[in-house]
C-alpha atoms as a PDB file:
ATOM      1  CA  MET A   1      -7.142  -3.520  -5.168  1.00  0.00           C
ATOM      2  CA  TYR A   2      -8.236  -4.448  -1.593  1.00  0.00           C
ATOM      3  CA  VAL A   3     -10.527  -6.778   0.098  1.00  0.00           C
ATOM      4  CA  VAL A   4     -12.033  -6.286   3.037  1.00  0.00           C
ATOM      5  CA  TYR A   5     -13.065  -9.280   5.713  1.00  0.00           C
ATOM      6  CA  THR A   6     -15.636  -8.837   7.916  1.00  0.00           C
ATOM      7  CA  TYR A   7     -16.995 -10.668  10.826  1.00  0.00           C
ATOM      8  CA  ILE A   8     -19.905  -9.705  12.849  1.00  0.00           C
ATOM      9  CA  ILE A   9     -20.124 -10.366  16.416  1.00  0.00           C
ATOM     10  CA  LYS A  10     -21.776  -7.327  18.651  1.00  0.00           C
ATOM     11  CA  ASP A  11     -19.882  -4.508  17.928  1.00  0.00           C
ATOM     12  CA  ILE A  12     -16.697  -6.013  16.066  1.00  0.00           C
ATOM     13  CA  LYS A  13     -16.710  -5.404  12.163  1.00  0.00           C
ATOM     14  CA  ASN A  14     -14.038  -5.275  10.273  1.00  0.00           C
ATOM     15  CA  ILE A  15     -11.117  -7.837  10.903  1.00  0.00           C
ATOM     16  CA  LEU A  16      -8.667  -7.274   8.176  1.00  0.00           C
ATOM     17  CA  ILE A  17      -7.921  -6.096   4.764  1.00  0.00           C
ATOM     18  CA  LEU A  18      -5.828  -7.306   2.140  1.00  0.00           C
ATOM     19  CA  SER A  19      -4.361  -4.630  -0.400  1.00  0.00           C
ATOM     20  CA  ALA A  20      -1.910  -4.703  -3.354  1.00  0.00           C
ATOM     21  CA  PHE A  21      -0.019  -1.642  -4.703  1.00  0.00           C
ATOM     22  CA  LYS A  22       2.665  -1.634  -7.107  1.00  0.00           C
ATOM     23  CA  GLU A  23       5.675  -2.072  -4.811  1.00  0.00           C
ATOM     24  CA  TYR A  24       4.209  -4.167  -2.223  1.00  0.00           C
ATOM     25  CA  ALA A  25       1.197  -5.996  -0.619  1.00  0.00           C
ATOM     26  CA  SER A  26      -0.226  -6.006   2.542  1.00  0.00           C
ATOM     27  CA  ILE A  27      -2.552  -7.569   5.308  1.00  0.00           C
ATOM     28  CA  SER A  28      -3.610  -4.847   7.723  1.00  0.00           C
ATOM     29  CA  PHE A  29      -5.490  -5.814  10.821  1.00  0.00           C
ATOM     30  CA  PHE A  30      -7.753  -2.840  11.809  1.00  0.00           C
ATOM     31  CA  LYS A  31      -6.946  -3.429  15.982  1.00  0.00           C
ATOM     32  CA  GLY A  32      -3.716  -4.846  14.891  1.00  0.00           C
ATOM     33  CA  ALA A  33      -2.298  -2.940  18.192  1.00  0.00           C
ATOM     34  CA  LEU A  34      -3.992  -5.635  20.327  1.00  0.00           C
ATOM     35  CA  LEU A  35      -2.324  -8.681  18.761  1.00  0.00           C
ATOM     36  CA  LYS A  36       0.224 -10.019  20.284  1.00  0.00           C
ATOM     37  CA  ASP A  37       3.500  -9.550  17.681  1.00  0.00           C
ATOM     38  CA  ASP A  38       6.504 -11.465  19.405  1.00  0.00           C
ATOM     39  CA  LYS A  39       8.461 -11.527  15.955  1.00  0.00           C
ATOM     40  CA  GLY A  40       7.755  -8.044  15.423  1.00  0.00           C
ATOM     41  CA  LEU A  41       6.040  -8.774  12.052  1.00  0.00           C
ATOM     42  CA  LEU A  42       3.398  -5.846  12.280  1.00  0.00           C
ATOM     43  CA  ILE A  43       4.265  -2.302  11.581  1.00  0.00           C
ATOM     44  CA  LYS A  44       2.360   1.169  11.923  1.00  0.00           C
ATOM     45  CA  PRO A  45       1.411   2.127   8.390  1.00  0.00           C
ATOM     46  CA  THR A  46       1.947   5.510   9.035  1.00  0.00           C
ATOM     47  CA  GLU A  47       3.486   7.669  11.519  1.00  0.00           C
ATOM     48  CA  ASN A  48       0.378   8.744  12.901  1.00  0.00           C
ATOM     49  CA  THR A  49      -1.560   5.556  13.006  1.00  0.00           C
ATOM     50  CA  GLN A  50      -3.296   4.492  16.249  1.00  0.00           C
ATOM     51  CA  SER A  51      -4.698   1.049  16.257  1.00  0.00           C
ATOM     52  CA  ASN A  52      -4.143  -0.204  12.627  1.00  0.00           C
ATOM     53  CA  ARG A  53      -0.837  -2.834  12.161  1.00  0.00           C
ATOM     54  CA  GLN A  54       0.209  -4.090   8.748  1.00  0.00           C
ATOM     55  CA  PHE A  55       2.522  -6.898   7.450  1.00  0.00           C
ATOM     56  CA  ARG A  56       3.858  -6.091   4.103  1.00  0.00           C
ATOM     57  CA  PHE A  57       5.718  -8.375   1.480  1.00  0.00           C
ATOM     58  CA  LYS A  58       7.068  -7.964  -1.561  1.00  0.00           C
ATOM     59  CA  THR A  59       7.471 -11.640  -2.471  1.00  0.00           C
ATOM     60  CA  THR A  60       5.597 -14.960  -1.741  1.00  0.00           C
ATOM     61  CA  LYS A  61       8.506 -16.248  -0.184  1.00  0.00           C
ATOM     62  CA  GLU A  62       8.600 -13.654   2.580  1.00  0.00           C
ATOM     63  CA  ILE A  63       5.090 -15.368   3.410  1.00  0.00           C
ATOM     64  CA  ILE A  64       6.274 -18.978   3.611  1.00  0.00           C
ATOM     65  CA  ASP A  65       9.457 -17.935   5.268  1.00  0.00           C
ATOM     66  CA  LEU A  66       7.642 -16.965   8.360  1.00  0.00           C
END
């Protein structure tokens, strides 16, 4: 299951996608490489990913502890 949030302004369209998988849920940012990530929370979903960055979590406690 996933949901895509879109904000259309000029050429910027898709912003993020919420996904739920068997092992984890994630918030993925389509242009996440451009975001400031001082805490190192965002990861590349795959080795060959270019601009997408993702925050994965298994429990709600992981989100609350941020």
